[in-house]
Amino acid sequence: MRRTLFLIPHEFAGWPIFGIGWALLFLLIAVLAYIGWESRRGGLGASTAIGQISGFAVMAAVILVVVVPRTELVNTLGDPVGVAVRGYGMFLMLAAIASVGLAAWRAERAGLGADSILQLAPWTFIGGLLGARIFYVTQYFEDFLRPTWGETLMAMAALNQGGLVVYGGFIGGFIASLIALKRHQTPIWRIGDVIIPCVFVGLLFGRLGCLMNGCCYGGACEAGPLAVRFPAGSQVHAEQLLSGELLGIEGQPVVSEEELPAGQSRMVVDSVSPDSLASQAGVQNGETLTIALDPTYRDQVPLDRPAEEALPGVVVLREDEVIARYSPSDLPSIAAPVWGTQIISSVFAAIMFVVLLIVERILHRQPKQTDDAAPERAISGRRRPGILMLVGFIAYGVLRIVLEWIRVDEKGQFGTSLSISQWVSLVVIAASLVTLFIRWRGADSTSEQTPGGGNAKVVGGSDAAAAGM
């Protein structure tokens, strides 16, 4: 886990980097250099060069002056210390570049042109981002509630704090892509076959971003090649402190109508590990304890570092009596093993990318022409548009159902033990299977020829159907 790769400082030589500062100055110099270069080489006049770059320059200036400063992290006194370059964001960018670049190359080879992907990419990216965030906010709506609606909306929009759901991204991106494809009259089934292997490339990098961010982890497990252990400061480390696991306590949560504040838990102790922190504090079986994260150690973070780097201590109470207090240095520096679902997802994505390429090759394979009936058989071996995309949908649905059994961040829905992602997966799998059956039968029916029938009619009809979709 490495949530922050590095921190761009708030200021350099006494002048802010973002806002009215260094970044805006460099942007202005770059724009003037471009205008001067184009004018000098005679390719474009100054007015034409200004017209070409003005839209980009204004958008970039607004981002540097208005948007980026709002993402700056603050120290324990509330003063800005810089903009964090997140590991999650870096891998998300790699996912976008790799998947879009590969899709453009595949579209060119498929005869659809790279422009079909480049026109589609902004729609898919924006739709996917909105869908992923909306899905996450819907699942954890109570976590975003603030005293005012304005603060609540700002919390929902704070993408720099993480909180994206892959399934929501797929759904949002798919809907946005359908709208764009209809507008540009691009054949949906054919472009879907081009894109689906690239989606798994994006998933590979995206899940590595989750690993860097310390999110989307699985439940407790034994140490092994599929297990990961996150450091202090991670979400799983805090959860294991509150559950008592890192203190050496095994217990059952107390069910009560009273809602505990964030960062607290209450339990009945079942057992205490020998020589553990709880054992040293005299915790006994059968006691009811309250465990609370202690934020009073924030002052230990240097003022040139973000306050989010502060590690919590722990307070253990028996009724209203404090029986133990631990500073961050007293606590384990690493969490107990949990299933590395991020790594499992990335490995599966790499495997599925290869499998889809093999399936695509099989669907494209043509039988050898050894007799007069060969052209008819060749038609039956032609590519069936949409089949590859549907196979990819089914594969991801199956993966997500399996992963949800070892993840612990989603509750059962509709009175069952199935999470919302598992329910969505079941719907996706069922719809994809039905559509797969219909398209497979439809593709086979187009290959049936009457004696003496022309191949051009069948081939042309198939292509026209594909173009119309």
Protein backbone atom coordinates (compact mmCIF):
# COMPACT_ATOMS: atom_id res chain seq x y z
CA MET A 1 0.00 0.00 0.00
CA ARG A 2 1.22 3.46 -0.92
CA ARG A 3 -1.71 5.83 -0.94
CA THR A 4 0.39 8.93 -1.68
CA LEU A 5 3.25 8.51 -4.15
CA PHE A 6 4.61 11.99 -3.51
CA LEU A 7 3.46 15.43 -2.41
CA ILE A 8 3.71 18.50 -4.63
CA PRO A 9 4.51 21.22 -2.08
CA HIS A 10 2.18 24.16 -1.54
CA GLU A 11 4.79 26.74 -2.42
CA PHE A 12 8.28 27.13 -3.83
CA ALA A 13 10.55 30.11 -3.13
CA GLY A 14 7.72 31.74 -1.22
CA TRP A 15 5.27 31.62 -4.14
CA PRO A 16 2.35 29.16 -4.43
CA ILE A 17 2.70 26.45 -7.07
CA PHE A 18 -1.04 26.31 -7.80
CA GLY A 19 -3.60 29.08 -7.77
CA ILE A 20 -1.99 32.38 -8.88
CA GLY A 21 1.47 30.91 -8.89
CA TRP A 22 4.18 28.92 -10.66
CA ALA A 23 1.93 26.53 -12.57
CA LEU A 24 -0.10 29.38 -14.08
CA LEU A 25 3.10 31.20 -15.03
CA PHE A 26 4.48 28.12 -16.81
CA LEU A 27 1.16 27.68 -18.62
CA LEU A 28 1.31 31.30 -19.83
CA ILE A 29 4.93 30.86 -21.02
CA ALA A 30 4.00 27.64 -22.84
CA VAL A 31 1.03 29.29 -24.59
CA LEU A 32 3.14 32.28 -25.68
CA ALA A 33 5.92 29.96 -26.87
CA TYR A 34 3.43 27.96 -28.96
CA ILE A 35 1.97 31.10 -30.54
CA GLY A 36 5.45 32.45 -31.29
CA TRP A 37 6.63 29.14 -32.75
CA GLU A 38 3.62 28.78 -35.05
CA SER A 39 3.91 32.39 -36.22
CA ARG A 40 7.65 32.16 -36.85
CA ARG A 41 7.58 28.94 -38.85
CA GLY A 42 4.83 30.36 -41.03
CA GLY A 43 2.44 27.50 -40.55
CA LEU A 44 -0.23 29.54 -38.80
CA GLY A 45 -0.80 33.20 -38.19
CA ALA A 46 -0.74 34.51 -34.63
CA SER A 47 -4.51 35.00 -34.56
CA THR A 48 -5.12 31.47 -35.84
CA ALA A 49 -2.71 29.98 -33.28
CA ILE A 50 -4.43 31.92 -30.49
CA GLY A 51 -7.80 30.68 -31.64
CA GLN A 52 -6.59 27.07 -31.65
CA ILE A 53 -5.05 27.11 -28.20
CA SER A 54 -7.29 29.57 -26.37
CA GLY A 55 -9.93 27.00 -25.37
CA PHE A 56 -7.33 24.63 -23.94
CA ALA A 57 -5.48 27.46 -22.19
CA VAL A 58 -8.60 28.81 -20.49
CA MET A 59 -9.67 25.34 -19.34
CA ALA A 60 -6.17 24.56 -18.01
CA ALA A 61 -6.01 27.94 -16.22
CA VAL A 62 -9.36 27.34 -14.50
CA ILE A 63 -8.17 23.92 -13.34
CA LEU A 64 -4.87 25.29 -12.01
CA VAL A 65 -6.35 28.36 -10.31
CA VAL A 66 -9.72 27.08 -9.06
CA VAL A 67 -9.89 23.28 -9.04
CA VAL A 68 -6.43 22.05 -7.96
CA PRO A 69 -6.06 24.33 -4.89
CA ARG A 70 -9.31 22.85 -3.52
CA THR A 71 -7.67 19.40 -3.50
CA GLU A 72 -4.68 20.49 -1.43
CA LEU A 73 -4.10 18.61 1.81
CA VAL A 74 -3.74 20.52 5.07
CA ASN A 75 -1.63 20.02 8.18
CA THR A 76 -2.94 19.71 11.72
CA LEU A 77 -3.37 23.49 11.91
CA GLY A 78 -5.47 23.55 8.74
CA ASP A 79 -2.80 25.18 6.57
CA PRO A 80 -2.29 23.83 3.01
CA VAL A 81 0.85 21.73 2.56
CA GLY A 82 0.51 20.51 -1.02
CA VAL A 83 -1.27 18.37 -3.59
CA ALA A 84 -0.98 14.61 -3.18
CA VAL A 85 -0.26 12.47 -6.23
CA ARG A 86 -2.14 9.31 -5.30
CA GLY A 87 -1.12 5.80 -6.22
CA TYR A 88 -4.75 5.05 -7.01
CA GLY A 89 -4.98 8.00 -9.41
CA MET A 90 -1.71 7.07 -11.09
CA PHE A 91 -2.87 3.52 -11.79
CA LEU A 92 -6.26 4.82 -12.91
CA MET A 93 -4.47 7.02 -15.44
CA LEU A 94 -2.39 4.04 -16.60
CA ALA A 95 -5.59 2.03 -16.94
CA ALA A 96 -7.17 4.73 -19.12
CA ILE A 97 -4.10 5.18 -21.33
CA ALA A 98 -3.49 1.45 -21.80
CA SER A 99 -7.09 0.49 -22.45
CA VAL A 100 -7.90 3.40 -24.79
CA GLY A 101 -4.63 3.04 -26.71
CA LEU A 102 -5.13 -0.69 -27.19
CA ALA A 103 -8.78 -0.20 -28.17
CA ALA A 104 -7.81 2.40 -30.79
CA TRP A 105 -5.26 -0.01 -32.27
CA ARG A 106 -7.76 -2.87 -32.32
CA ALA A 107 -10.46 -0.66 -33.88
CA GLU A 108 -8.06 0.33 -36.66
CA ARG A 109 -7.31 -3.33 -37.38
CA ALA A 110 -11.02 -4.17 -37.33
CA GLY A 111 -11.73 -1.58 -40.00
CA LEU A 112 -13.66 0.74 -37.67
CA GLY A 113 -10.93 3.35 -37.45
CA ALA A 114 -9.13 4.61 -34.36
CA ASP A 115 -11.35 7.71 -34.42
CA SER A 116 -14.31 5.57 -33.36
CA ILE A 117 -12.53 4.92 -30.05
CA LEU A 118 -11.13 8.43 -29.63
CA GLN A 119 -14.63 9.86 -30.08
CA LEU A 120 -16.02 7.33 -27.63
CA ALA A 121 -13.32 7.58 -24.93
CA PRO A 122 -14.40 10.90 -23.31
CA TRP A 123 -17.99 9.71 -23.05
CA THR A 124 -16.96 6.38 -21.57
CA PHE A 125 -14.52 7.97 -19.13
CA ILE A 126 -16.93 10.61 -17.85
CA GLY A 127 -19.86 8.18 -17.72
CA GLY A 128 -17.72 5.57 -15.99
CA LEU A 129 -16.41 8.06 -13.43
CA LEU A 130 -19.90 9.32 -12.63
CA GLY A 131 -21.33 5.80 -12.48
CA ALA A 132 -18.55 4.56 -10.21
CA ARG A 133 -18.98 7.49 -7.83
CA ILE A 134 -22.80 7.36 -7.81
CA PHE A 135 -22.71 3.62 -7.10
CA TYR A 136 -20.29 4.19 -4.19
CA VAL A 137 -22.22 7.14 -2.74
CA THR A 138 -25.47 5.18 -2.97
CA GLN A 139 -23.95 2.23 -1.09
CA TYR A 140 -22.40 4.36 1.66
CA PHE A 141 -24.76 7.33 1.65
CA GLU A 142 -24.74 7.77 5.43
CA ASP A 143 -20.95 8.24 5.40
CA PHE A 144 -21.35 11.39 3.31
CA LEU A 145 -23.96 13.13 5.42
CA ARG A 146 -22.78 16.51 6.75
CA PRO A 147 -24.50 19.30 8.71
CA THR A 148 -25.52 21.13 5.51
CA TRP A 149 -26.52 20.04 2.00
CA GLY A 150 -23.64 22.01 0.54
CA GLU A 151 -21.08 20.18 2.68
CA THR A 152 -22.76 16.87 1.87
CA LEU A 153 -22.51 17.52 -1.87
CA MET A 154 -18.88 18.58 -1.53
CA ALA A 155 -18.10 15.35 0.34
CA MET A 156 -19.81 13.33 -2.40
CA ALA A 157 -17.78 15.13 -5.07
CA ALA A 158 -14.40 14.74 -3.27
CA LEU A 159 -12.91 12.18 -5.66
CA ASN A 160 -9.42 12.84 -4.29
CA GLN A 161 -10.52 11.01 -1.13
CA GLY A 162 -11.26 7.81 -3.09
CA GLY A 163 -14.53 5.95 -3.31
CA LEU A 164 -15.26 4.40 -6.71
CA VAL A 165 -17.05 1.14 -7.47
CA VAL A 166 -15.91 -0.77 -10.55
CA TYR A 167 -19.39 -2.09 -11.29
CA GLY A 168 -20.83 1.42 -11.23
CA GLY A 169 -18.06 2.46 -13.61
CA PHE A 170 -18.94 -0.35 -16.02
CA ILE A 171 -22.63 0.53 -15.95
CA GLY A 172 -22.10 4.29 -16.27
CA GLY A 173 -19.50 3.88 -18.99
CA PHE A 174 -21.69 1.41 -20.88
CA ILE A 175 -24.70 3.73 -20.85
CA ALA A 176 -22.64 6.74 -21.92
CA SER A 177 -21.00 4.66 -24.66
CA LEU A 178 -24.39 3.56 -26.03
CA ILE A 179 -25.47 7.19 -26.28
CA ALA A 180 -22.25 8.15 -28.08
CA LEU A 181 -22.40 5.15 -30.44
CA LYS A 182 -25.98 5.98 -31.43
CA ARG A 183 -25.01 9.59 -32.12
CA HIS A 184 -22.09 8.58 -34.33
CA GLN A 185 -23.96 5.61 -35.89
CA THR A 186 -21.16 3.22 -34.95
CA PRO A 187 -21.97 -0.54 -35.00
CA ILE A 188 -22.46 -1.35 -31.32
CA TRP A 189 -21.80 -5.10 -31.42
CA ARG A 190 -18.61 -4.79 -33.45
CA ILE A 191 -17.18 -1.97 -31.34
CA GLY A 192 -18.13 -3.92 -28.21
CA ASP A 193 -16.01 -6.85 -29.39
CA VAL A 194 -13.12 -4.47 -29.99
CA ILE A 195 -13.36 -2.88 -26.56
CA ILE A 196 -14.10 -5.80 -24.19
CA PRO A 197 -10.52 -7.23 -24.00
CA CYS A 198 -9.28 -3.70 -23.32
CA VAL A 199 -11.71 -3.38 -20.40
CA PHE A 200 -9.83 -6.19 -18.66
CA VAL A 201 -6.54 -4.36 -19.27
CA GLY A 202 -8.08 -1.37 -17.50
CA LEU A 203 -9.29 -3.65 -14.70
CA LEU A 204 -5.77 -5.04 -14.26
CA PHE A 205 -4.28 -1.59 -13.62
CA GLY A 206 -7.33 -0.30 -11.75
CA ARG A 207 -7.24 -3.06 -9.16
CA LEU A 208 -3.53 -2.45 -8.61
CA GLY A 209 -4.60 1.11 -7.82
CA CYS A 210 -6.97 -0.32 -5.20
CA LEU A 211 -4.02 -2.19 -3.70
CA MET A 212 -2.05 1.07 -3.49
CA ASN A 213 -5.03 2.79 -1.86
CA GLY A 214 -5.63 0.00 0.66
CA CYS A 215 -9.27 -0.49 -0.33
CA CYS A 216 -11.42 -3.34 -1.72
CA TYR A 217 -9.63 -5.92 0.45
CA GLY A 218 -11.00 -9.28 1.51
CA GLY A 219 -11.77 -10.83 4.85
CA ALA A 220 -9.32 -12.34 7.33
CA CYS A 221 -7.29 -15.33 6.14
CA GLU A 222 -4.11 -17.26 6.84
CA ALA A 223 -0.80 -15.87 5.61
CA GLY A 224 -0.02 -17.07 2.10
CA PRO A 225 0.55 -16.01 -1.52
CA LEU A 226 -3.02 -14.67 -1.87
CA ALA A 227 -2.92 -12.73 1.41
CA VAL A 228 -1.80 -9.12 1.97
CA ARG A 229 -1.01 -7.19 5.15
CA PHE A 230 -1.62 -3.46 5.24
CA PRO A 231 0.32 -0.97 7.38
CA ALA A 232 -0.89 1.26 10.20
CA GLY A 233 -2.98 4.10 8.85
CA SER A 234 -4.88 1.86 6.45
CA GLN A 235 -8.59 1.21 6.72
CA VAL A 236 -8.17 -2.48 7.45
CA HIS A 237 -5.65 -1.73 10.25
CA ALA A 238 -8.18 0.63 11.91
CA GLU A 239 -10.96 -1.95 11.55
CA GLN A 240 -8.82 -4.65 13.16
CA LEU A 241 -8.03 -2.30 16.05
CA LEU A 242 -11.73 -1.66 16.62
CA SER A 243 -12.57 -5.36 16.38
CA GLY A 244 -9.94 -6.07 19.06
CA GLU A 245 -8.02 -8.44 16.77
CA LEU A 246 -4.76 -6.48 16.93
CA LEU A 247 -5.13 -6.16 20.71
CA GLY A 248 -5.49 -9.91 21.15
CA ILE A 249 -9.26 -9.96 21.77
CA GLU A 250 -11.86 -12.23 20.23
CA GLY A 251 -15.42 -11.20 20.90
CA GLN A 252 -18.94 -10.62 19.72
CA PRO A 253 -20.24 -7.14 18.83
CA VAL A 254 -22.89 -5.79 21.18
CA VAL A 255 -26.17 -5.23 19.33
CA SER A 256 -27.81 -2.04 20.60
CA GLU A 257 -30.23 0.58 19.42
CA GLU A 258 -27.71 3.19 20.52
CA GLU A 259 -25.55 4.16 17.56
CA LEU A 260 -21.89 4.47 18.51
CA PRO A 261 -19.85 7.39 17.19
CA ALA A 262 -17.48 6.75 14.31
CA GLY A 263 -14.24 5.19 15.48
CA GLN A 264 -15.79 3.23 18.36
CA SER A 265 -16.94 -0.35 18.89
CA ARG A 266 -18.46 -2.33 21.75
CA MET A 267 -18.08 -6.06 22.31
CA VAL A 268 -18.38 -8.94 24.73
CA VAL A 269 -15.01 -10.66 25.17
CA ASP A 270 -14.94 -14.37 24.28
CA SER A 271 -11.22 -14.96 24.68
CA VAL A 272 -7.95 -13.11 25.22
CA SER A 273 -4.66 -14.19 23.64
CA PRO A 274 -1.81 -14.80 26.12
CA ASP A 275 0.91 -12.13 26.21
CA SER A 276 -1.23 -9.78 24.09
CA LEU A 277 -1.86 -6.10 24.79
CA ALA A 278 -5.32 -6.98 26.12
CA SER A 279 -3.90 -9.65 28.41
CA GLN A 280 -1.37 -7.19 29.81
CA ALA A 281 -4.23 -4.76 30.52
CA GLY A 282 -6.07 -7.41 32.54
CA VAL A 283 -8.98 -7.93 30.12
CA GLN A 284 -11.09 -10.94 31.18
CA ASN A 285 -13.47 -13.25 29.33
CA GLY A 286 -17.12 -12.19 29.48
CA GLU A 287 -16.41 -8.49 29.99
CA THR A 288 -18.16 -5.85 27.91
CA LEU A 289 -15.61 -3.43 26.51
CA THR A 290 -15.67 -0.28 24.41
CA ILE A 291 -12.74 0.28 22.07
CA ALA A 292 -12.19 3.77 20.65
CA LEU A 293 -9.61 5.19 18.29
CA ASP A 294 -7.72 8.03 19.98
CA PRO A 295 -6.93 11.00 17.66
CA THR A 296 -4.98 12.98 20.27
CA TYR A 297 -1.66 12.04 18.66
CA ARG A 298 -2.19 14.30 15.64
CA ASP A 299 0.38 16.77 16.96
CA GLN A 300 3.10 14.20 16.33
CA VAL A 301 2.83 14.86 12.59
CA PRO A 302 5.26 17.58 11.37
CA LEU A 303 3.57 20.76 10.16
CA ASP A 304 4.97 20.30 6.65
CA ARG A 305 3.10 16.99 6.30
CA PRO A 306 -0.65 16.34 5.80
CA ALA A 307 -2.77 15.74 8.88
CA GLU A 308 -4.05 12.52 7.28
CA GLU A 309 -0.68 10.93 8.07
CA ALA A 310 -1.47 11.04 11.79
CA LEU A 311 -1.84 7.54 13.26
CA PRO A 312 -4.48 6.96 15.94
CA GLY A 313 -3.95 5.51 19.37
CA VAL A 314 -6.48 3.27 21.12
CA VAL A 315 -8.44 3.62 24.35
CA VAL A 316 -10.08 0.57 25.98
CA LEU A 317 -12.92 1.18 28.47
CA ARG A 318 -14.81 -1.07 30.85
CA GLU A 319 -18.11 0.77 31.28
CA ASP A 320 -16.82 4.34 31.87
CA GLU A 321 -13.43 3.33 33.26
CA VAL A 322 -10.34 3.58 31.07
CA ILE A 323 -8.41 0.35 31.58
CA ALA A 324 -5.81 0.82 28.87
CA ARG A 325 -4.50 3.55 26.60
CA TYR A 326 -2.10 2.83 23.74
CA SER A 327 -0.11 5.29 21.66
CA PRO A 328 0.49 4.56 17.94
CA SER A 329 3.98 3.29 18.76
CA ASP A 330 2.51 0.77 21.26
CA LEU A 331 0.26 -0.80 18.63
CA PRO A 332 1.19 -3.32 15.91
CA SER A 333 2.58 -1.53 12.87
CA ILE A 334 0.97 -3.93 10.41
CA ALA A 335 -2.47 -5.50 10.11
CA ALA A 336 -3.28 -9.20 10.20
CA PRO A 337 -3.49 -10.98 6.80
CA VAL A 338 -6.56 -10.46 4.62
CA TRP A 339 -7.46 -11.85 1.20
CA GLY A 340 -5.68 -9.89 -1.54
CA THR A 341 -8.77 -9.54 -3.70
CA GLN A 342 -7.10 -6.69 -5.62
CA ILE A 343 -4.27 -9.00 -6.71
CA ILE A 344 -6.72 -11.80 -7.51
CA SER A 345 -8.75 -9.41 -9.68
CA SER A 346 -5.66 -8.18 -11.52
CA VAL A 347 -4.43 -11.71 -12.23
CA PHE A 348 -7.89 -12.76 -13.41
CA ALA A 349 -8.06 -9.68 -15.66
CA ALA A 350 -4.75 -10.62 -17.28
CA ILE A 351 -5.93 -14.20 -17.80
CA MET A 352 -9.27 -13.08 -19.25
CA PHE A 353 -7.49 -10.71 -21.65
CA VAL A 354 -5.55 -13.66 -23.09
CA VAL A 355 -8.63 -15.93 -23.09
CA LEU A 356 -10.71 -13.35 -24.98
CA LEU A 357 -8.00 -12.99 -27.61
CA ILE A 358 -8.03 -16.78 -28.06
CA VAL A 359 -11.83 -16.84 -28.30
CA GLU A 360 -11.69 -14.01 -30.83
CA ARG A 361 -9.21 -15.96 -32.94
CA ILE A 362 -11.48 -19.00 -32.86
CA LEU A 363 -14.49 -16.91 -33.94
CA HIS A 364 -12.46 -15.50 -36.84
CA ARG A 365 -11.08 -18.84 -37.92
CA GLN A 366 -12.05 -19.87 -41.46
CA PRO A 367 -12.26 -23.51 -42.60
CA LYS A 368 -10.03 -24.60 -45.45
CA GLN A 369 -11.62 -24.52 -48.89
CA THR A 370 -11.38 -28.11 -50.10
CA ASP A 371 -14.59 -28.44 -52.16
CA ASP A 372 -17.40 -26.46 -53.73
CA ALA A 373 -19.30 -26.26 -50.43
CA ALA A 374 -16.40 -24.53 -48.70
CA PRO A 375 -17.71 -20.97 -49.18
CA GLU A 376 -20.90 -21.85 -47.34
CA ARG A 377 -18.96 -23.34 -44.44
CA ALA A 378 -16.65 -20.33 -44.45
CA ILE A 379 -19.65 -18.09 -43.90
CA SER A 380 -20.69 -20.12 -40.85
CA GLY A 381 -17.22 -19.58 -39.42
CA ARG A 382 -17.40 -15.81 -39.85
CA ARG A 383 -17.18 -13.54 -36.90
CA ARG A 384 -20.38 -13.25 -34.88
CA PRO A 385 -20.52 -9.62 -33.70
CA GLY A 386 -21.24 -9.22 -30.00
CA ILE A 387 -20.34 -12.76 -28.93
CA LEU A 388 -16.96 -11.74 -27.55
CA MET A 389 -18.43 -8.82 -25.59
CA LEU A 390 -21.09 -11.01 -24.01
CA VAL A 391 -18.51 -13.63 -23.01
CA GLY A 392 -16.54 -10.86 -21.29
CA PHE A 393 -19.65 -9.67 -19.42
CA ILE A 394 -20.37 -13.19 -18.17
CA ALA A 395 -16.75 -13.75 -17.10
CA TYR A 396 -16.64 -10.57 -15.04
CA GLY A 397 -20.01 -11.34 -13.46
CA VAL A 398 -18.77 -14.74 -12.32
CA LEU A 399 -15.54 -13.23 -10.97
CA ARG A 400 -17.42 -10.59 -8.98
CA ILE A 401 -19.76 -13.14 -7.41
CA VAL A 402 -16.78 -15.20 -6.24
CA LEU A 403 -14.83 -12.19 -4.97
CA GLU A 404 -17.78 -10.90 -2.95
CA TRP A 405 -17.69 -14.11 -0.91
CA ILE A 406 -14.22 -13.24 0.40
CA ARG A 407 -14.69 -9.46 0.57
CA VAL A 408 -16.23 -7.94 3.69
CA ASP A 409 -17.15 -4.40 2.67
CA GLU A 410 -20.69 -5.00 1.39
CA LYS A 411 -23.71 -6.20 3.35
CA GLY A 412 -26.39 -8.58 2.12
CA GLN A 413 -29.34 -7.02 0.33
CA PHE A 414 -33.04 -7.88 -0.10
CA GLY A 415 -33.07 -10.13 2.95
CA THR A 416 -30.29 -12.39 1.60
CA SER A 417 -26.57 -12.83 2.13
CA LEU A 418 -25.90 -11.64 -1.43
CA SER A 419 -24.38 -8.18 -1.77
CA ILE A 420 -25.66 -5.58 -4.22
CA SER A 421 -22.70 -6.37 -6.52
CA GLN A 422 -23.63 -10.06 -6.53
CA TRP A 423 -27.24 -9.24 -7.39
CA VAL A 424 -26.09 -7.00 -10.24
CA SER A 425 -23.75 -9.79 -11.39
CA LEU A 426 -26.60 -12.28 -11.51
CA VAL A 427 -28.67 -9.87 -13.63
CA VAL A 428 -25.72 -9.22 -15.96
CA ILE A 429 -24.98 -12.94 -16.35
CA ALA A 430 -28.61 -13.85 -17.02
CA ALA A 431 -29.11 -11.04 -19.55
CA SER A 432 -25.81 -11.84 -21.27
CA LEU A 433 -26.62 -15.56 -21.53
CA VAL A 434 -30.02 -14.87 -23.09
CA THR A 435 -28.54 -12.35 -25.53
CA LEU A 436 -25.66 -14.70 -26.31
CA PHE A 437 -28.09 -17.49 -27.19
CA ILE A 438 -30.15 -15.18 -29.41
CA ARG A 439 -27.14 -13.77 -31.25
CA TRP A 440 -25.50 -17.16 -31.69
CA ARG A 441 -28.68 -18.59 -33.20
CA GLY A 442 -29.12 -15.48 -35.29
CA ALA A 443 -25.56 -15.70 -36.59
CA ASP A 444 -26.05 -19.36 -37.49
CA SER A 445 -29.30 -18.65 -39.30
CA THR A 446 -27.63 -16.05 -41.54
CA SER A 447 -25.19 -18.71 -42.71
CA GLU A 448 -27.87 -21.03 -44.05
CA GLN A 449 -27.88 -20.89 -47.83
CA THR A 450 -30.33 -22.16 -50.36
CA PRO A 451 -28.89 -24.13 -53.24
CA GLY A 452 -27.64 -21.71 -55.81
CA GLY A 453 -28.07 -18.78 -53.41
CA GLY A 454 -25.53 -16.01 -53.71
CA ASN A 455 -22.94 -15.58 -50.99
CA ALA A 456 -22.94 -11.84 -51.49
CA LYS A 457 -26.52 -11.58 -50.34
CA VAL A 458 -25.82 -13.39 -47.09
CA VAL A 459 -22.56 -11.59 -46.39
CA GLY A 460 -24.03 -8.21 -47.23
CA GLY A 461 -27.07 -8.85 -45.07
CA SER A 462 -24.91 -9.81 -42.13
CA ASP A 463 -22.76 -6.72 -42.50
CA ALA A 464 -25.80 -4.51 -42.81
CA ALA A 465 -27.25 -5.97 -39.61
CA ALA A 466 -23.99 -5.38 -37.80
CA ALA A 467 -23.77 -1.81 -39.05
CA GLY A 468 -27.33 -1.15 -38.00
CA MET A 469 -26.60 -2.26 -34.43
